[in-house]
Protein backbone atom coordinates (compact mmCIF):
# COMPACT_ATOMS: atom_id res chain seq x y z
CA MET A 1 3.82 -1.45 11.82
CA ASP A 2 1.61 1.65 11.56
CA TYR A 3 -0.30 2.96 8.59
CA GLN A 4 2.51 5.18 7.33
CA GLU A 5 4.97 2.31 7.52
CA ALA A 6 2.53 0.13 5.63
CA THR A 7 2.06 2.63 2.81
CA ASP A 8 5.84 3.33 2.72
CA TYR A 9 6.41 -0.39 2.21
CA LEU A 10 3.79 -0.47 -0.54
CA HIS A 11 5.68 2.32 -2.34
CA THR A 12 8.89 0.30 -2.28
CA LEU A 13 7.27 -1.92 -4.91
CA GLN A 14 7.81 -1.15 -8.57
CA CYS A 15 5.07 0.40 -10.68
CA GLN A 16 5.79 -1.73 -13.81
CA ARG A 17 7.71 -4.82 -14.77
CA PRO A 18 8.21 -6.79 -17.98
CA LYS A 19 6.47 -9.89 -16.85
CA LEU A 20 2.87 -10.14 -18.04
CA GLY A 21 0.06 -12.25 -16.57
CA THR A 22 -2.06 -12.78 -13.52
CA GLU A 23 -0.03 -15.50 -11.84
CA THR A 24 1.62 -13.29 -9.19
CA THR A 25 -1.67 -11.61 -8.26
CA ARG A 26 -3.38 -15.04 -8.10
CA HIS A 27 -0.58 -16.27 -5.81
CA ILE A 28 -1.15 -13.39 -3.41
CA VAL A 29 -4.96 -13.82 -3.46
CA THR A 30 -4.81 -17.55 -2.78
CA TYR A 31 -2.28 -16.99 0.00
CA PHE A 32 -5.32 -15.89 1.99
CA HIS A 33 -8.16 -17.66 0.15
CA ASP A 34 -8.50 -20.95 -1.68
CA LYS A 35 -11.41 -19.66 -3.77
CA GLN A 36 -13.21 -16.40 -4.61
CA ALA A 37 -16.09 -17.03 -2.19
CA SER A 38 -19.67 -16.31 -3.28
CA ILE A 39 -19.02 -12.91 -4.80
CA ASP A 40 -20.34 -11.75 -8.20
CA PHE A 41 -17.55 -9.79 -9.98
CA VAL A 42 -17.98 -7.12 -12.60
CA GLN A 43 -14.91 -6.11 -14.56
CA ILE A 44 -14.73 -2.81 -16.42
CA ALA A 45 -12.05 -2.22 -19.04
CA GLY A 46 -11.62 0.59 -21.55
CA SER A 47 -9.42 3.48 -22.58
CA ASN A 48 -11.64 6.14 -20.98
CA GLY A 49 -14.62 6.16 -18.71
CA LYS A 50 -13.82 3.06 -16.66
CA GLY A 51 -13.87 4.83 -13.33
CA SER A 52 -17.01 6.81 -14.01
CA THR A 53 -18.88 3.73 -15.20
CA ALA A 54 -17.72 1.76 -12.14
CA ARG A 55 -18.85 4.51 -9.83
CA MET A 56 -22.22 4.72 -11.52
CA LEU A 57 -22.70 0.97 -11.28
CA GLU A 58 -21.68 0.99 -7.59
CA ASN A 59 -24.33 3.54 -6.76
CA ILE A 60 -27.04 1.81 -8.74
CA LEU A 61 -26.38 -1.55 -7.02
CA HIS A 62 -26.12 0.02 -3.56
CA THR A 63 -29.39 1.84 -4.15
CA ALA A 64 -30.87 -1.56 -5.06
CA GLY A 65 -29.91 -2.84 -1.60
CA PHE A 66 -26.76 -4.84 -2.40
CA ASP A 67 -23.50 -4.78 -0.47
CA VAL A 68 -21.08 -3.54 -3.06
CA GLY A 69 -17.28 -3.43 -3.28
CA LEU A 70 -15.55 -1.02 -5.60
CA PHE A 71 -11.92 -0.99 -6.74
CA THR A 72 -10.71 1.91 -8.91
CA SER A 73 -7.41 3.45 -9.87
CA PRO A 74 -5.60 5.73 -9.55
CA ALA A 75 -6.44 7.45 -6.32
CA LEU A 76 -6.57 11.22 -6.07
CA TYR A 77 -4.89 11.38 -2.63
CA ASP A 78 -4.75 8.06 -0.82
CA ILE A 79 -4.91 4.40 -1.71
CA ARG A 80 -7.83 4.05 0.73
CA GLU A 81 -10.02 5.81 -1.93
CA GLN A 82 -9.36 2.93 -4.31
CA ILE A 83 -11.03 0.22 -2.16
CA ARG A 84 -14.57 0.91 -0.92
CA VAL A 85 -17.46 -1.12 0.44
CA ASN A 86 -20.88 0.56 0.29
CA GLY A 87 -19.18 3.87 -0.30
CA GLN A 88 -16.87 3.58 2.73
CA LYS A 89 -13.09 3.64 2.19
CA ILE A 90 -11.08 0.76 3.54
CA SER A 91 -9.72 1.57 6.99
CA LYS A 92 -6.08 2.39 7.77
CA GLU A 93 -6.13 -0.48 10.29
CA ARG A 94 -7.24 -2.95 7.59
CA ILE A 95 -4.49 -1.88 5.20
CA THR A 96 -1.87 -2.03 7.91
CA THR A 97 -2.93 -5.56 9.02
CA TYR A 98 -2.98 -6.73 5.40
CA ILE A 99 0.50 -5.39 4.63
CA GLU A 100 1.88 -6.90 7.93
CA ASN A 101 0.47 -10.28 7.03
CA ILE A 102 1.50 -10.32 3.40
CA GLN A 103 5.02 -8.78 3.83
CA PRO A 104 6.80 -12.12 4.45
CA ARG A 105 5.20 -13.57 1.33
CA ILE A 106 6.20 -10.52 -0.73
CA GLU A 107 9.80 -10.89 0.42
CA TRP A 108 9.66 -14.56 -0.51
CA LEU A 109 8.47 -13.49 -4.03
CA ARG A 110 11.19 -10.91 -4.14
CA ALA A 111 13.78 -13.58 -3.40
CA VAL A 112 12.63 -15.66 -6.40
CA ASN A 113 12.54 -12.59 -8.66
CA ASP A 114 8.74 -12.39 -8.76
CA THR A 115 8.09 -9.16 -6.75
CA PRO A 116 4.50 -7.90 -7.38
CA THR A 117 3.86 -4.38 -8.64
CA GLN A 118 2.05 -1.89 -6.50
CA PHE A 119 -1.06 -2.32 -8.63
CA GLU A 120 -0.98 -6.08 -8.33
CA LEU A 121 -0.71 -5.90 -4.53
CA ILE A 122 -3.47 -3.30 -4.22
CA THR A 123 -5.71 -5.39 -6.51
CA ALA A 124 -5.14 -8.44 -4.31
CA LEU A 125 -5.76 -6.33 -1.22
CA ALA A 126 -9.05 -5.14 -2.60
CA ILE A 127 -10.28 -8.71 -3.46
CA HIS A 128 -9.22 -9.85 -0.02
CA HIS A 129 -11.08 -6.96 1.64
CA PHE A 130 -14.25 -7.67 -0.42
CA MET A 131 -14.14 -11.34 0.66
CA LEU A 132 -13.71 -10.48 4.29
CA LYS A 133 -16.63 -8.03 4.06
CA LYS A 134 -18.71 -10.71 2.23
CA VAL A 135 -20.01 -8.25 -0.35
CA ASP A 136 -22.68 -9.35 -2.80
CA ILE A 137 -21.03 -7.79 -5.85
CA ALA A 138 -17.51 -6.43 -6.42
CA ILE A 139 -16.71 -4.05 -9.24
CA LEU A 140 -13.14 -3.97 -10.48
CA GLU A 141 -11.79 -1.23 -12.73
CA VAL A 142 -9.12 -2.69 -14.98
CA GLY A 143 -5.74 -1.05 -14.95
CA ILE A 144 -4.28 -1.59 -18.38
CA GLY A 145 -5.89 -3.61 -21.28
CA GLY A 146 -7.63 -6.72 -20.07
CA GLN A 147 -5.82 -9.99 -20.83
CA TYR A 148 -2.85 -9.57 -18.56
CA ASP A 149 -4.29 -7.06 -16.05
CA ALA A 150 -4.18 -7.97 -12.39
CA THR A 151 -7.97 -7.65 -12.12
CA SER A 152 -8.30 -10.51 -14.59
CA VAL A 153 -7.48 -12.90 -11.75
CA VAL A 154 -11.25 -13.11 -11.19
CA ASN A 155 -13.95 -14.81 -13.32
CA PRO A 156 -16.39 -11.96 -13.92
CA ASP A 157 -20.18 -12.44 -14.08
CA ALA A 158 -20.53 -9.26 -16.18
CA SER A 159 -17.98 -7.10 -17.97
CA ALA A 160 -17.65 -4.00 -20.11
CA VAL A 161 -15.18 -2.27 -22.47
CA THR A 162 -16.20 1.34 -22.28
CA SER A 163 -14.19 2.68 -25.22
CA VAL A 164 -11.02 1.86 -27.19
CA SER A 165 -8.33 4.23 -28.31
CA LEU A 166 -4.58 4.13 -28.84
CA GLU A 167 -2.85 3.90 -25.44
CA HIS A 168 -0.16 1.83 -23.80
CA THR A 169 0.89 0.72 -27.33
CA ASP A 170 4.16 -0.78 -25.94
CA ILE A 171 2.03 -3.34 -24.08
CA LEU A 172 -1.35 -3.65 -25.84
CA GLY A 173 -0.52 -3.22 -29.55
CA ASN A 174 -0.12 -0.48 -32.15
CA THR A 175 -3.72 -0.39 -33.52
CA VAL A 176 -7.17 -0.11 -31.94
CA GLU A 177 -8.02 -3.52 -33.25
CA GLU A 178 -5.09 -5.10 -31.28
CA ILE A 179 -5.98 -3.15 -28.16
CA ALA A 180 -9.68 -4.12 -28.46
CA HIS A 181 -8.63 -7.72 -28.88
CA ASP A 182 -6.70 -7.54 -25.63
CA MET A 183 -9.54 -5.82 -23.77
CA ALA A 184 -12.02 -8.45 -24.98
CA GLU A 185 -10.34 -10.92 -22.72
CA VAL A 186 -12.44 -9.55 -19.82
CA ALA A 187 -15.61 -10.93 -21.44
CA PRO A 188 -17.64 -13.08 -18.96
CA ASN A 189 -18.67 -16.65 -19.75
CA GLU A 190 -22.35 -16.23 -19.27
CA ASN A 191 -23.24 -12.65 -20.41
CA PRO A 192 -22.36 -10.65 -23.51
CA LEU A 193 -19.71 -8.01 -23.16
CA VAL A 194 -21.12 -4.44 -22.85
CA THR A 195 -19.43 -1.74 -24.90
CA ALA A 196 -19.88 1.75 -26.27
CA SER A 197 -17.01 1.24 -28.72
CA SER A 198 -17.56 1.83 -32.45
CA GLY A 199 -15.83 1.36 -35.79
CA ASN A 200 -12.87 -0.96 -36.06
CA ALA A 201 -12.64 -1.44 -32.28
CA LEU A 202 -16.23 -2.68 -32.14
CA THR A 203 -15.65 -5.04 -35.05
CA ALA A 204 -12.56 -6.46 -33.25
CA LEU A 205 -14.61 -7.02 -30.03
CA GLN A 206 -17.44 -8.64 -32.02
CA ASN A 207 -14.96 -11.00 -33.71
CA LYS A 208 -13.78 -12.09 -30.31
CA THR A 209 -16.98 -12.40 -28.24
CA ASP A 210 -20.74 -11.68 -28.07
CA VAL A 211 -21.46 -8.04 -27.29
CA ILE A 212 -24.23 -5.68 -26.30
CA THR A 213 -23.66 -2.35 -27.92
CA VAL A 214 -24.48 1.01 -26.26
CA GLY A 215 -24.78 4.07 -28.41
CA SER A 216 -26.88 6.94 -29.86
CA THR A 217 -27.94 5.02 -33.04
CA ASP A 218 -28.06 1.47 -34.39
CA SER A 219 -27.20 -0.02 -30.92
CA ASP A 220 -28.84 -2.63 -28.66
CA VAL A 221 -29.06 -0.04 -25.90
CA LEU A 222 -29.84 3.53 -27.04
CA VAL A 223 -28.66 6.58 -25.09
CA ALA A 224 -29.85 10.15 -25.63
CA GLU A 225 -28.36 13.18 -23.95
CA ASN A 226 -31.15 15.74 -23.74
CA LEU A 227 -28.95 18.79 -23.25
CA LEU A 228 -27.76 20.36 -20.04
CA ARG A 229 -30.39 20.94 -17.39
CA SER A 230 -27.98 23.35 -15.66
CA ALA A 231 -24.20 23.87 -15.44
CA VAL A 232 -23.96 20.81 -13.16
CA LYS A 233 -26.81 18.54 -14.29
CA ASN A 234 -27.62 16.71 -17.49
CA ASN A 235 -30.87 15.01 -18.62
CA ILE A 236 -30.38 11.58 -20.24
CA SER A 237 -32.57 8.70 -21.36
CA ILE A 238 -31.49 5.05 -21.78
CA SER A 239 -33.58 2.44 -23.72
CA GLY A 240 -32.99 -1.31 -23.80
CA ARG A 241 -35.04 -3.96 -25.51
CA ASP A 242 -37.81 -4.07 -22.85
CA TRP A 243 -36.73 -1.36 -20.38
CA SER A 244 -36.04 2.35 -20.30
CA VAL A 245 -34.65 4.95 -17.90
CA GLN A 246 -34.94 8.71 -17.75
CA THR A 247 -32.89 10.58 -15.24
CA GLN A 248 -30.43 13.29 -14.50
CA ILE A 249 -26.73 12.85 -13.92
CA SER A 250 -24.08 15.18 -12.51
CA LEU A 251 -21.34 13.74 -14.71
CA LEU A 252 -21.62 15.92 -17.79
CA GLY A 253 -21.08 15.18 -21.52
CA ARG A 254 -22.12 12.71 -24.17
CA HIS A 255 -19.39 10.33 -23.04
CA GLN A 256 -20.79 10.28 -19.45
CA ALA A 257 -24.25 9.54 -20.86
CA MET A 258 -22.74 6.56 -22.65
CA ASN A 259 -21.06 5.47 -19.45
CA ALA A 260 -24.42 5.71 -17.72
CA GLY A 261 -25.90 3.46 -20.45
CA ILE A 262 -23.12 0.89 -19.91
CA ALA A 263 -23.61 0.98 -16.11
CA ALA A 264 -27.40 0.54 -16.46
CA THR A 265 -26.89 -2.40 -18.78
CA LEU A 266 -24.45 -4.08 -16.44
CA ALA A 267 -26.84 -3.57 -13.57
CA LYS A 268 -29.57 -5.35 -15.58
CA GLN A 269 -27.17 -8.22 -16.25
CA VAL A 270 -25.71 -8.80 -12.84
CA ALA A 271 -28.74 -8.13 -10.67
CA ALA A 272 -31.82 -7.47 -12.84
CA VAL A 273 -32.22 -4.04 -11.20
CA ASP A 274 -35.48 -2.17 -11.82
CA SER A 275 -35.38 0.88 -14.07
CA GLU A 276 -36.62 3.15 -11.28
CA VAL A 277 -33.70 2.12 -9.08
CA ILE A 278 -31.27 2.69 -11.94
CA ALA A 279 -32.66 6.21 -12.40
CA GLU A 280 -32.29 6.96 -8.71
CA GLY A 281 -28.85 5.51 -8.44
CA LEU A 282 -27.50 7.45 -11.40
CA LYS A 283 -28.94 10.68 -10.12
CA GLU A 284 -26.83 10.74 -7.02
CA VAL A 285 -23.42 9.89 -8.56
CA THR A 286 -20.44 12.20 -8.29
CA TRP A 287 -16.87 11.51 -9.29
CA PRO A 288 -14.12 14.04 -8.48
CA GLY A 289 -11.85 15.31 -11.27
CA ARG A 290 -14.26 14.50 -14.16
CA PHE A 291 -15.38 17.88 -15.54
CA GLU A 292 -15.70 18.94 -11.92
CA ILE A 293 -16.81 22.57 -11.57
CA VAL A 294 -15.28 23.79 -8.30
CA ALA A 295 -15.81 27.56 -8.57
CA MET A 296 -17.64 30.21 -10.56
CA ASN A 297 -16.68 33.80 -11.56
CA PRO A 298 -14.37 32.65 -13.02
CA MET A 299 -15.57 29.17 -13.74
CA VAL A 300 -12.95 26.63 -12.66
CA VAL A 301 -13.05 23.13 -14.10
CA LEU A 302 -10.92 20.15 -13.00
CA ASP A 303 -10.74 17.32 -15.52
CA GLY A 304 -8.32 14.45 -15.58
CA ALA A 305 -8.38 13.92 -19.30
CA HIS A 306 -5.15 12.03 -20.00
CA ASN A 307 -5.31 10.95 -23.67
CA PRO A 308 -6.53 12.45 -27.01
CA GLU A 309 -9.96 10.78 -26.84
CA ALA A 310 -10.64 12.18 -23.42
CA ALA A 311 -9.30 15.60 -24.40
CA SER A 312 -11.70 15.65 -27.42
CA ALA A 313 -14.62 14.91 -25.08
CA LEU A 314 -13.46 17.63 -22.73
CA SER A 315 -13.27 20.14 -25.65
CA ASP A 316 -16.80 19.25 -26.61
CA LEU A 317 -17.99 20.04 -23.12
CA LEU A 318 -16.12 23.36 -23.00
CA ALA A 319 -17.94 24.34 -26.23
CA ARG A 320 -21.23 24.24 -24.35
CA HIS A 321 -20.17 26.97 -21.96
CA THR A 322 -19.81 30.67 -22.61
CA TYR A 323 -16.62 32.33 -21.50
CA ASP A 324 -14.22 35.00 -22.72
CA ASP A 325 -10.64 33.70 -22.32
CA LEU A 326 -9.49 30.17 -21.54
CA HIS A 327 -6.55 29.62 -19.19
CA VAL A 328 -5.18 26.07 -18.80
CA VAL A 329 -3.08 24.60 -16.06
CA PHE A 330 -1.51 21.60 -17.76
CA ALA A 331 0.66 18.65 -16.80
CA ALA A 332 0.89 15.20 -18.34
CA MET A 333 2.65 11.87 -17.90
CA SER A 334 5.64 11.24 -20.15
CA ASP A 335 4.11 8.09 -21.64
CA LYS A 336 0.99 9.92 -22.86
CA ASP A 337 0.31 11.44 -26.24
CA TYR A 338 0.19 14.97 -24.88
CA GLU A 339 0.84 16.62 -28.27
CA GLN A 340 -2.37 15.21 -29.65
CA MET A 341 -4.15 15.97 -26.37
CA ILE A 342 -3.15 19.68 -26.71
CA LYS A 343 -4.30 19.74 -30.32
CA GLN A 344 -7.81 18.65 -29.18
CA LEU A 345 -8.19 21.59 -26.81
CA PRO A 346 -9.65 24.93 -27.97
CA SER A 347 -7.28 27.82 -28.57
CA LEU A 348 -6.41 29.44 -25.32
CA GLU A 349 -5.11 32.67 -23.89
CA THR A 350 -2.58 31.26 -21.38
CA ALA A 351 -1.08 27.87 -20.80
CA PHE A 352 0.45 27.40 -17.33
CA ILE A 353 2.81 24.45 -17.75
CA THR A 354 3.52 22.62 -14.52
CA ARG A 355 4.58 19.22 -13.11
CA PRO A 356 3.02 17.02 -10.48
CA ASP A 357 5.06 15.20 -7.83
CA THR A 358 5.62 11.94 -9.63
CA ASP A 359 8.55 10.47 -11.58
CA ARG A 360 6.26 9.62 -14.47
CA ALA A 361 5.50 13.31 -15.19
CA GLU A 362 6.79 14.89 -18.38
CA GLY A 363 9.15 17.84 -18.10
CA MET A 364 7.87 21.37 -18.50
CA TYR A 365 10.00 22.33 -21.50
CA PRO A 366 8.63 19.59 -23.83
CA LEU A 367 5.09 20.43 -22.81
CA ALA A 368 5.68 24.18 -23.32
CA GLU A 369 7.05 23.43 -26.80
CA ALA A 370 3.93 21.40 -27.59
CA PHE A 371 1.75 24.45 -26.70
CA GLU A 372 3.61 26.73 -29.20
CA GLY A 373 1.10 28.17 -31.59
CA HIS A 374 -1.88 26.94 -29.49
CA ALA A 375 -1.66 29.48 -26.68
CA ASN A 376 -1.13 33.24 -26.81
CA HIS A 377 1.04 33.09 -23.66
CA ILE A 378 2.96 30.19 -22.08
CA SER A 379 4.20 30.22 -18.52
CA LYS A 380 6.23 27.43 -16.81
CA ILE A 381 5.56 27.12 -13.06
CA GLY A 382 6.94 24.01 -11.36
CA ASN A 383 4.37 23.88 -8.54
CA ILE A 384 0.78 22.95 -9.45
CA LEU A 385 -0.84 24.94 -6.66
CA GLU A 386 1.17 27.95 -7.55
CA ALA A 387 0.30 27.58 -11.25
CA THR A 388 -3.36 27.33 -10.29
CA GLU A 389 -3.20 30.48 -8.16
CA LYS A 390 -1.47 32.37 -11.03
CA ALA A 391 -4.25 31.31 -13.43
CA LEU A 392 -7.00 32.41 -10.98
CA THR A 393 -5.24 35.71 -10.41
CA LEU A 394 -4.97 36.36 -14.16
CA ALA A 395 -8.49 35.28 -15.08
CA LYS A 396 -11.36 37.69 -15.30
CA LYS A 397 -14.77 36.77 -13.83
CA THR A 398 -15.96 35.98 -17.34
CA ASP A 399 -13.04 33.69 -18.14
CA LEU A 400 -12.66 29.89 -17.62
CA VAL A 401 -9.75 28.23 -15.83
CA LEU A 402 -9.15 24.57 -16.70
CA VAL A 403 -6.87 22.19 -14.85
CA THR A 404 -6.21 19.11 -17.06
CA GLY A 405 -3.80 16.60 -18.55
CA SER A 406 -3.64 14.12 -15.71
CA LEU A 407 -5.44 13.08 -12.53
CA TYR A 408 -2.12 13.66 -10.73
CA ASN A 409 -2.40 17.31 -11.83
CA VAL A 410 -6.02 17.55 -10.81
CA ALA A 411 -5.40 15.99 -7.39
CA GLU A 412 -2.70 18.54 -6.51
CA ALA A 413 -4.72 21.49 -7.75
CA ARG A 414 -7.84 20.27 -5.96
CA ASN A 415 -6.05 20.80 -2.63
CA ARG A 416 -6.80 24.48 -3.07
CA TRP A 417 -10.48 23.75 -2.54
CA ASP A 418 -10.23 20.73 -0.32
CA HIS A 419 -7.67 22.19 2.06
CA PRO A 420 -7.95 25.98 1.58
CA THR A 421 -6.28 26.86 4.94
CA LEU A 422 -3.08 25.03 3.95
CA THR A 423 -3.05 26.60 0.50
CA LYS A 424 -3.51 30.13 1.85
CA ARG A 425 -0.72 29.58 4.34
CA LYS A 426 1.58 28.34 1.57
CA PHE A 427 1.11 31.43 -0.62
CA ALA A 428 0.64 34.06 2.10
């Protein structure tokens, strides 16, 4: 088996199934290991900001001298991005060996009608890799909710719920209280759960477990965003009971400042990291596809906002920049509340409606209908790279081009800057 065959086999597994729980993931993990070894796990749940928070915490802990594993989802391009140790992606050889070794067990599970999903298998692969690498701390980004997520196979030493909003209501519940109740299941035994949630969601979390709150007022950890230092840097301050941090971050917006506050608090919990190290670790963090400015004149922003809460945060960030017309390249998954997402965006000149290469994507006609009255012009272009090129051609130097709606959309558009030779050849 080579790497392509291994990933092809992985993609034969289903993305979702009706069975809930961690039993199948636990079965796969224990197929290789009887116990979790001496790794401290950090679990990060939430509706938005999980990946950014995990990435920030990874860099803080690595700056502090720890060997750190990081599992995130989804990947922009390749599953290797989802599993990293000290910033290095898992090798193709490791994935191939893992799939070869586990394939007979997967087929056994398939025969008893217990086939794991892709996410369950990749989660188990990540944990297995972290054990083999003997990392000090492993950070796991939760997929959906908390109680039944595959990452909940571990017993975390520290955990967070970044934010709570209506999502995956068919699985998690129809109210933010029900969703928060599900996410609260990631709470560790020894430390309070860290959260930047507010309102009814926060109350639901507090009714379930002890929490440390992160916020701009009336919180255990106070976070202040001291305006943009530049188009790509932001000054922030974080203050705990007996510690404080002042630094700059490249992930922009109030929501990212809150994520930094959560990451700093988790670092204090899991490893008692010094404030100076936290400041240095946060300063160097980048995370593709999160208000990522990839070009100027016109400014081009890639942002994977995929629900109304994230779209609202994106709109707030757009308001801080000066531009003439806004042109949006938009695609969304069919299970997302894209109508409310579109309502959160500022009025725009042109909406380029497109569709990424995934079965989960919503069709262009429903998306175009949702943009009626919100865009002066609407154009349907089935290829994301072509839609992005059309937007760039139309935009003046003083305009802003935004690619958003899904990380799938962002990943395909980002190829224009990551692989410009291929893109130019395609549209020559």
